[in-house]
């Protein structure tokens, strides 16, 4: 599991805000793997691990650092596919 910084945290009152660190720590305490990263780090970490038939769910309310374009591009690069 990869957890990124919260988008526009100022939109939520500070007393009600989640932090990336608190979510990661909670997940770790529950005995599951979690790490914090940005879109580029996610692409670099996830792309080499993906295999044919895998499904990737990107849950975001915005462009998320271009991950929607970066991940497919990285997969093509790793597999030697050229875009036409």
PDB file of N, CA and C in Angstrom:
ATOM      1  N   UNK A   1       0.849  -1.160   0.000  1.00  0.00           N
ATOM      2  CA  UNK A   1       0.000   0.000   0.000  1.00  0.00           C
ATOM      3  C   UNK A   1       0.898   1.228   0.000  1.00  0.00           C
ATOM      4  N   UNK A   2       0.559   2.165  -0.851  1.00  0.00           N
ATOM      5  CA  UNK A   2       1.284   3.425  -0.913  1.00  0.00           C
ATOM      6  C   UNK A   2       0.299   4.542  -0.614  1.00  0.00           C
ATOM      7  N   UNK A   3       0.664   5.424   0.286  1.00  0.00           N
ATOM      8  CA  UNK A   3      -0.207   6.521   0.690  1.00  0.00           C
ATOM      9  C   UNK A   3       0.517   7.829   0.412  1.00  0.00           C
ATOM     10  N   UNK A   4      -0.141   8.710  -0.300  1.00  0.00           N
ATOM     11  CA  UNK A   4       0.473   9.980  -0.677  1.00  0.00           C
ATOM     12  C   UNK A   4       0.011  11.102   0.235  1.00  0.00           C
ATOM     13  N   UNK A   5       0.690  12.240   0.158  1.00  0.00           N
ATOM     14  CA  UNK A   5       0.226  13.395   0.941  1.00  0.00           C
ATOM     15  C   UNK A   5      -1.201  13.763   0.550  1.00  0.00           C
ATOM     16  N   UNK A   6      -1.928  14.278   1.495  1.00  0.00           N
ATOM     17  CA  UNK A   6      -3.324  14.645   1.279  1.00  0.00           C
ATOM     18  C   UNK A   6      -3.396  15.909   0.425  1.00  0.00           C
ATOM     19  N   UNK A   7      -4.243  15.875  -0.593  1.00  0.00           N
ATOM     20  CA  UNK A   7      -4.413  16.994  -1.511  1.00  0.00           C
ATOM     21  C   UNK A   7      -5.240  18.084  -0.843  1.00  0.00           C
ATOM     22  N   UNK A   8      -4.758  19.288  -0.897  1.00  0.00           N
ATOM     23  CA  UNK A   8      -5.433  20.454  -0.323  1.00  0.00           C
ATOM     24  C   UNK A   8      -5.860  20.228   1.132  1.00  0.00           C
ATOM     25  N   UNK A   9      -4.924  19.919   1.996  1.00  0.00           N
ATOM     26  CA  UNK A   9      -5.297  19.666   3.394  1.00  0.00           C
ATOM     27  C   UNK A   9      -5.957  20.871   4.056  1.00  0.00           C
ATOM     28  N   UNK A  10      -5.653  22.065   3.558  1.00  0.00           N
ATOM     29  CA  UNK A  10      -6.238  23.263   4.159  1.00  0.00           C
ATOM     30  C   UNK A  10      -7.750  23.329   3.988  1.00  0.00           C
ATOM     31  N   UNK A  11      -8.307  22.479   3.131  1.00  0.00           N
ATOM     32  CA  UNK A  11      -9.757  22.451   2.924  1.00  0.00           C
ATOM     33  C   UNK A  11     -10.488  21.784   4.089  1.00  0.00           C
ATOM     34  N   UNK A  12      -9.738  21.123   4.953  1.00  0.00           N
ATOM     35  CA  UNK A  12     -10.327  20.433   6.108  1.00  0.00           C
ATOM     36  C   UNK A  12      -9.787  21.109   7.375  1.00  0.00           C
ATOM     37  N   UNK A  13     -10.650  21.393   8.342  1.00  0.00           N
ATOM     38  CA  UNK A  13     -10.154  22.004   9.586  1.00  0.00           C
ATOM     39  C   UNK A  13      -9.026  21.161  10.191  1.00  0.00           C
ATOM     40  N   UNK A  14      -7.999  21.824  10.682  1.00  0.00           N
ATOM     41  CA  UNK A  14      -6.821  21.130  11.188  1.00  0.00           C
ATOM     42  C   UNK A  14      -7.163  20.060  12.221  1.00  0.00           C
ATOM     43  N   UNK A  15      -8.142  20.330  13.068  1.00  0.00           N
ATOM     44  CA  UNK A  15      -8.507  19.369  14.116  1.00  0.00           C
ATOM     45  C   UNK A  15      -9.145  18.096  13.546  1.00  0.00           C
ATOM     46  N   UNK A  16      -9.594  18.145  12.279  1.00  0.00           N
ATOM     47  CA  UNK A  16     -10.253  16.993  11.647  1.00  0.00           C
ATOM     48  C   UNK A  16      -9.389  16.326  10.580  1.00  0.00           C
ATOM     49  N   UNK A  17      -8.211  16.847  10.330  1.00  0.00           N
ATOM     50  CA  UNK A  17      -7.343  16.394   9.248  1.00  0.00           C
ATOM     51  C   UNK A  17      -6.619  15.094   9.551  1.00  0.00           C
ATOM     52  N   UNK A  18      -6.540  14.264   8.554  1.00  0.00           N
ATOM     53  CA  UNK A  18      -5.645  13.114   8.610  1.00  0.00           C
ATOM     54  C   UNK A  18      -4.282  13.558   8.109  1.00  0.00           C
ATOM     55  N   UNK A  19      -3.245  12.932   8.585  1.00  0.00           N
ATOM     56  CA  UNK A  19      -1.919  13.168   8.028  1.00  0.00           C
ATOM     57  C   UNK A  19      -1.445  11.877   7.386  1.00  0.00           C
ATOM     58  N   UNK A  20      -0.580  12.016   6.408  1.00  0.00           N
ATOM     59  CA  UNK A  20      -0.025  10.829   5.758  1.00  0.00           C
ATOM     60  C   UNK A  20       0.650   9.929   6.798  1.00  0.00           C
ATOM     61  N   UNK A  21       1.412  10.528   7.681  1.00  0.00           N
ATOM     62  CA  UNK A  21       2.123   9.750   8.700  1.00  0.00           C
ATOM     63  C   UNK A  21       1.166   8.985   9.604  1.00  0.00           C
ATOM     64  N   UNK A  22       0.060   9.607  10.009  1.00  0.00           N
ATOM     65  CA  UNK A  22      -0.861   8.906  10.901  1.00  0.00           C
ATOM     66  C   UNK A  22      -1.539   7.736  10.191  1.00  0.00           C
ATOM     67  N   UNK A  23      -1.849   7.899   8.914  1.00  0.00           N
ATOM     68  CA  UNK A  23      -2.461   6.797   8.163  1.00  0.00           C
ATOM     69  C   UNK A  23      -1.459   5.665   7.988  1.00  0.00           C
ATOM     70  N   UNK A  24      -0.240   5.989   7.573  1.00  0.00           N
ATOM     71  CA  UNK A  24       0.795   4.960   7.397  1.00  0.00           C
ATOM     72  C   UNK A  24       1.038   4.233   8.712  1.00  0.00           C
ATOM     73  N   UNK A  25       1.163   4.971   9.813  1.00  0.00           N
ATOM     74  CA  UNK A  25       1.394   4.334  11.117  1.00  0.00           C
ATOM     75  C   UNK A  25       0.238   3.428  11.510  1.00  0.00           C
ATOM     76  N   UNK A  26      -0.992   3.862  11.257  1.00  0.00           N
ATOM     77  CA  UNK A  26      -2.152   3.027  11.566  1.00  0.00           C
ATOM     78  C   UNK A  26      -2.170   1.740  10.765  1.00  0.00           C
ATOM     79  N   UNK A  27      -1.831   1.840   9.496  1.00  0.00           N
ATOM     80  CA  UNK A  27      -1.799   0.648   8.647  1.00  0.00           C
ATOM     81  C   UNK A  27      -0.682  -0.286   9.101  1.00  0.00           C
ATOM     82  N   UNK A  28       0.477   0.270   9.414  1.00  0.00           N
ATOM     83  CA  UNK A  28       1.596  -0.561   9.902  1.00  0.00           C
ATOM     84  C   UNK A  28       1.225  -1.280  11.199  1.00  0.00           C
ATOM     85  N   UNK A  29       0.553  -0.562  12.098  1.00  0.00           N
ATOM     86  CA  UNK A  29       0.135  -1.172  13.363  1.00  0.00           C
ATOM     87  C   UNK A  29      -0.841  -2.316  13.128  1.00  0.00           C
ATOM     88  N   UNK A  30      -1.569  -2.249  12.033  1.00  0.00           N
ATOM     89  CA  UNK A  30      -2.515  -3.315  11.683  1.00  0.00           C
ATOM     90  C   UNK A  30      -1.811  -4.468  10.976  1.00  0.00           C
ATOM     91  N   UNK A  31      -0.477  -4.426  10.935  1.00  0.00           N
ATOM     92  CA  UNK A  31       0.338  -5.512  10.377  1.00  0.00           C
ATOM     93  C   UNK A  31       0.227  -5.644   8.852  1.00  0.00           C
ATOM     94  N   UNK A  32      -0.002  -4.549   8.155  1.00  0.00           N
ATOM     95  CA  UNK A  32       0.022  -4.580   6.699  1.00  0.00           C
ATOM     96  C   UNK A  32       1.070  -3.603   6.221  1.00  0.00           C
ATOM     97  N   UNK A  33       1.602  -3.832   5.045  1.00  0.00           N
ATOM     98  CA  UNK A  33       2.644  -2.961   4.518  1.00  0.00           C
ATOM     99  C   UNK A  33       2.075  -1.646   4.030  1.00  0.00           C
ATOM    100  N   UNK A  34       2.744  -0.566   4.361  1.00  0.00           N
ATOM    101  CA  UNK A  34       2.339   0.753   3.866  1.00  0.00           C
ATOM    102  C   UNK A  34       3.574   1.618   3.768  1.00  0.00           C
ATOM    103  N   UNK A  35       3.562   2.533   2.828  1.00  0.00           N
ATOM    104  CA  UNK A  35       4.648   3.493   2.686  1.00  0.00           C
ATOM    105  C   UNK A  35       4.078   4.781   2.116  1.00  0.00           C
ATOM    106  N   UNK A  36       4.764   5.868   2.376  1.00  0.00           N
ATOM    107  CA  UNK A  36       4.344   7.168   1.856  1.00  0.00           C
ATOM    108  C   UNK A  36       5.189   7.493   0.633  1.00  0.00           C
ATOM    109  N   UNK A  37       4.565   8.074  -0.379  1.00  0.00           N
ATOM    110  CA  UNK A  37       5.297   8.403  -1.599  1.00  0.00           C
ATOM    111  C   UNK A  37       4.508   9.377  -2.443  1.00  0.00           C
ATOM    112  N   UNK A  38       5.194  10.013  -3.398  1.00  0.00           N
ATOM    113  CA  UNK A  38       4.510  10.859  -4.363  1.00  0.00           C
ATOM    114  C   UNK A  38       4.289  10.059  -5.651  1.00  0.00           C
ATOM    115  N   UNK A  39       3.666  10.663  -6.645  1.00  0.00           N
ATOM    116  CA  UNK A  39       3.306   9.955  -7.874  1.00  0.00           C
ATOM    117  C   UNK A  39       4.527   9.355  -8.565  1.00  0.00           C
ATOM    118  N   UNK A  40       5.619  10.113  -8.666  1.00  0.00           N
ATOM    119  CA  UNK A  40       6.816   9.597  -9.342  1.00  0.00           C
ATOM    120  C   UNK A  40       7.385   8.382  -8.613  1.00  0.00           C
ATOM    121  N   UNK A  41       7.424   8.441  -7.286  1.00  0.00           N
ATOM    122  CA  UNK A  41       7.944   7.311  -6.505  1.00  0.00           C
ATOM    123  C   UNK A  41       7.046   6.088  -6.645  1.00  0.00           C
ATOM    124  N   UNK A  42       5.736   6.317  -6.721  1.00  0.00           N
ATOM    125  CA  UNK A  42       4.812   5.202  -6.904  1.00  0.00           C
ATOM    126  C   UNK A  42       5.058   4.520  -8.245  1.00  0.00           C
ATOM    127  N   UNK A  43       5.187   5.307  -9.297  1.00  0.00           N
ATOM    128  CA  UNK A  43       5.436   4.746 -10.633  1.00  0.00           C
ATOM    129  C   UNK A  43       6.722   3.924 -10.625  1.00  0.00           C
ATOM    130  N   UNK A  44       7.781   4.477 -10.050  1.00  0.00           N
ATOM    131  CA  UNK A  44       9.074   3.776 -10.024  1.00  0.00           C
ATOM    132  C   UNK A  44       9.013   2.491  -9.191  1.00  0.00           C
ATOM    133  N   UNK A  45       8.215   2.484  -8.131  1.00  0.00           N
ATOM    134  CA  UNK A  45       8.124   1.303  -7.268  1.00  0.00           C
ATOM    135  C   UNK A  45       7.173   0.249  -7.815  1.00  0.00           C
ATOM    136  N   UNK A  46       6.047   0.678  -8.370  1.00  0.00           N
ATOM    137  CA  UNK A  46       4.994  -0.249  -8.762  1.00  0.00           C
ATOM    138  C   UNK A  46       5.214  -0.845 -10.151  1.00  0.00           C
ATOM    139  N   UNK A  47       5.617  -0.033 -11.101  1.00  0.00           N
ATOM    140  CA  UNK A  47       5.709  -0.493 -12.495  1.00  0.00           C
ATOM    141  C   UNK A  47       6.546  -1.771 -12.657  1.00  0.00           C
ATOM    142  N   UNK A  48       7.727  -1.869 -12.054  1.00  0.00           N
ATOM    143  CA  UNK A  48       8.521  -3.084 -12.239  1.00  0.00           C
ATOM    144  C   UNK A  48       7.886  -4.345 -11.631  1.00  0.00           C
ATOM    145  N   UNK A  49       6.969  -4.155 -10.672  1.00  0.00           N
ATOM    146  CA  UNK A  49       6.333  -5.286 -10.000  1.00  0.00           C
ATOM    147  C   UNK A  49       5.109  -5.814 -10.747  1.00  0.00           C
ATOM    148  N   UNK A  50       4.550  -5.013 -11.653  1.00  0.00           N
ATOM    149  CA  UNK A  50       3.308  -5.397 -12.314  1.00  0.00           C
ATOM    150  C   UNK A  50       3.527  -6.490 -13.350  1.00  0.00           C
ATOM    151  N   UNK A  51       2.557  -7.381 -13.419  1.00  0.00           N
ATOM    152  CA  UNK A  51       2.585  -8.474 -14.382  1.00  0.00           C
ATOM    153  C   UNK A  51       1.313  -8.433 -15.207  1.00  0.00           C
ATOM    154  N   UNK A  52       1.349  -9.078 -16.346  1.00  0.00           N
ATOM    155  CA  UNK A  52       0.179  -9.136 -17.222  1.00  0.00           C
ATOM    156  C   UNK A  52      -1.028  -9.633 -16.430  1.00  0.00           C
ATOM    157  N   UNK A  53      -2.138  -8.936 -16.559  1.00  0.00           N
ATOM    158  CA  UNK A  53      -3.359  -9.311 -15.858  1.00  0.00           C
ATOM    159  C   UNK A  53      -3.569  -8.604 -14.540  1.00  0.00           C
ATOM    160  N   UNK A  54      -2.526  -7.926 -14.026  1.00  0.00           N
ATOM    161  CA  UNK A  54      -2.680  -7.178 -12.776  1.00  0.00           C
ATOM    162  C   UNK A  54      -3.612  -6.002 -12.987  1.00  0.00           C
ATOM    163  N   UNK A  55      -4.271  -5.597 -11.928  1.00  0.00           N
ATOM    164  CA  UNK A  55      -5.160  -4.437 -11.955  1.00  0.00           C
ATOM    165  C   UNK A  55      -4.599  -3.412 -10.979  1.00  0.00           C
ATOM    166  N   UNK A  56      -4.519  -2.166 -11.424  1.00  0.00           N
ATOM    167  CA  UNK A  56      -4.044  -1.072 -10.576  1.00  0.00           C
ATOM    168  C   UNK A  56      -5.201  -0.100 -10.377  1.00  0.00           C
ATOM    169  N   UNK A  57      -5.510   0.207  -9.140  1.00  0.00           N
ATOM    170  CA  UNK A  57      -6.548   1.196  -8.829  1.00  0.00           C
ATOM    171  C   UNK A  57      -5.865   2.445  -8.294  1.00  0.00           C
ATOM    172  N   UNK A  58      -6.099   3.552  -8.972  1.00  0.00           N
ATOM    173  CA  UNK A  58      -5.567   4.838  -8.530  1.00  0.00           C
ATOM    174  C   UNK A  58      -6.763   5.651  -8.061  1.00  0.00           C
ATOM    175  N   UNK A  59      -6.812   5.928  -6.792  1.00  0.00           N
ATOM    176  CA  UNK A  59      -7.941   6.656  -6.220  1.00  0.00           C
ATOM    177  C   UNK A  59      -7.495   8.090  -5.943  1.00  0.00           C
ATOM    178  N   UNK A  60      -8.053   9.008  -6.692  1.00  0.00           N
ATOM    179  CA  UNK A  60      -7.654  10.400  -6.568  1.00  0.00           C
ATOM    180  C   UNK A  60      -8.801  11.303  -6.980  1.00  0.00           C
ATOM    181  N   UNK A  61      -8.788  12.506  -6.463  1.00  0.00           N
ATOM    182  CA  UNK A  61      -9.796  13.471  -6.869  1.00  0.00           C
ATOM    183  C   UNK A  61      -9.207  14.538  -7.790  1.00  0.00           C
ATOM    184  N   UNK A  62      -8.073  14.221  -8.395  1.00  0.00           N
ATOM    185  CA  UNK A  62      -7.420  15.186  -9.276  1.00  0.00           C
ATOM    186  C   UNK A  62      -6.417  14.511 -10.186  1.00  0.00           C
ATOM    187  N   UNK A  63      -5.513  15.291 -10.730  1.00  0.00           N
ATOM    188  CA  UNK A  63      -4.521  14.793 -11.677  1.00  0.00           C
ATOM    189  C   UNK A  63      -3.441  13.957 -11.046  1.00  0.00           C
ATOM    190  N   UNK A  64      -3.234  14.081  -9.740  1.00  0.00           N
ATOM    191  CA  UNK A  64      -2.310  13.265  -8.958  1.00  0.00           C
ATOM    192  C   UNK A  64      -0.917  13.191  -9.574  1.00  0.00           C
ATOM    193  N   UNK A  65      -0.357  14.362  -9.855  1.00  0.00           N
ATOM    194  CA  UNK A  65       1.033  14.439 -10.309  1.00  0.00           C
ATOM    195  C   UNK A  65       1.280  13.793 -11.651  1.00  0.00           C
ATOM    196  N   UNK A  66       0.227  13.627 -12.455  1.00  0.00           N
ATOM    197  CA  UNK A  66       0.388  13.038 -13.782  1.00  0.00           C
ATOM    198  C   UNK A  66       0.499  11.524 -13.791  1.00  0.00           C
ATOM    199  N   UNK A  67       0.140  10.869 -12.705  1.00  0.00           N
ATOM    200  CA  UNK A  67       0.309   9.416 -12.610  1.00  0.00           C
ATOM    201  C   UNK A  67      -0.475   8.661 -13.680  1.00  0.00           C
ATOM    202  N   UNK A  68      -1.604   9.230 -14.116  1.00  0.00           N
ATOM    203  CA  UNK A  68      -2.425   8.548 -15.119  1.00  0.00           C
ATOM    204  C   UNK A  68      -1.705   8.443 -16.457  1.00  0.00           C
ATOM    205  N   UNK A  69      -0.788   9.337 -16.721  1.00  0.00           N
ATOM    206  CA  UNK A  69       0.028   9.269 -17.931  1.00  0.00           C
ATOM    207  C   UNK A  69       1.375   8.601 -17.658  1.00  0.00           C
ATOM    208  N   UNK A  70       1.932   8.867 -16.490  1.00  0.00           N
ATOM    209  CA  UNK A  70       3.274   8.370 -16.163  1.00  0.00           C
ATOM    210  C   UNK A  70       3.332   6.854 -16.012  1.00  0.00           C
ATOM    211  N   UNK A  71       2.337   6.254 -15.379  1.00  0.00           N
ATOM    212  CA  UNK A  71       2.383   4.808 -15.157  1.00  0.00           C
ATOM    213  C   UNK A  71       2.320   4.026 -16.468  1.00  0.00           C
ATOM    214  N   UNK A  72       1.368   4.302 -17.357  1.00  0.00           N
ATOM    215  CA  UNK A  72       1.370   3.569 -18.634  1.00  0.00           C
ATOM    216  C   UNK A  72       2.656   3.800 -19.438  1.00  0.00           C
ATOM    217  N   UNK A  73       3.174   5.038 -19.416  1.00  0.00           N
ATOM    218  CA  UNK A  73       4.407   5.337 -20.144  1.00  0.00           C
ATOM    219  C   UNK A  73       5.567   4.512 -19.590  1.00  0.00           C
ATOM    220  N   UNK A  74       5.650   4.408 -18.258  1.00  0.00           N
ATOM    221  CA  UNK A  74       6.723   3.625 -17.628  1.00  0.00           C
ATOM    222  C   UNK A  74       6.575   2.144 -17.964  1.00  0.00           C
ATOM    223  N   UNK A  75       5.355   1.636 -17.960  1.00  0.00           N
ATOM    224  CA  UNK A  75       5.138   0.229 -18.308  1.00  0.00           C
ATOM    225  C   UNK A  75       5.566  -0.046 -19.745  1.00  0.00           C
ATOM    226  N   UNK A  76       5.248   0.866 -20.645  1.00  0.00           N
ATOM    227  CA  UNK A  76       5.661   0.705 -22.044  1.00  0.00           C
ATOM    228  C   UNK A  76       7.179   0.726 -22.136  1.00  0.00           C
ATOM    229  N   UNK A  77       7.801   1.635 -21.402  1.00  0.00           N
ATOM    230  CA  UNK A  77       9.260   1.739 -21.396  1.00  0.00           C
ATOM    231  C   UNK A  77       9.900   0.434 -20.906  1.00  0.00           C
ATOM    232  N   UNK A  78       9.387  -0.103 -19.830  1.00  0.00           N
ATOM    233  CA  UNK A  78       9.939  -1.341 -19.264  1.00  0.00           C
ATOM    234  C   UNK A  78       9.765  -2.536 -20.179  1.00  0.00           C
ATOM    235  N   UNK A  79       8.725  -2.512 -20.966  1.00  0.00           N
ATOM    236  CA  UNK A  79       8.438  -3.635 -21.846  1.00  0.00           C
ATOM    237  C   UNK A  79       8.924  -3.400 -23.272  1.00  0.00           C
ATOM    238  N   UNK A  80       9.608  -2.266 -23.496  1.00  0.00           N
ATOM    239  CA  UNK A  80      10.165  -1.985 -24.805  1.00  0.00           C
ATOM    240  C   UNK A  80       9.129  -1.673 -25.866  1.00  0.00           C
ATOM    241  N   UNK A  81       7.968  -1.192 -25.452  1.00  0.00           N
ATOM    242  CA  UNK A  81       6.890  -0.854 -26.386  1.00  0.00           C
ATOM    243  C   UNK A  81       7.095   0.581 -26.838  1.00  0.00           C
ATOM    244  N   UNK A  82       6.939   0.817 -28.126  1.00  0.00           N
ATOM    245  CA  UNK A  82       7.035   2.173 -28.640  1.00  0.00           C
ATOM    246  C   UNK A  82       5.657   2.666 -29.025  1.00  0.00           C
ATOM    247  N   UNK A  83       5.369   3.902 -28.649  1.00  0.00           N
ATOM    248  CA  UNK A  83       4.089   4.509 -28.998  1.00  0.00           C
ATOM    249  C   UNK A  83       4.099   4.906 -30.463  1.00  0.00           C
ATOM    250  N   UNK A  84       2.929   4.817 -31.084  1.00  0.00           N
ATOM    251  CA  UNK A  84       2.817   5.234 -32.484  1.00  0.00           C
ATOM    252  C   UNK A  84       2.119   6.558 -32.585  1.00  0.00           C
TER     253      UNK A  84
END
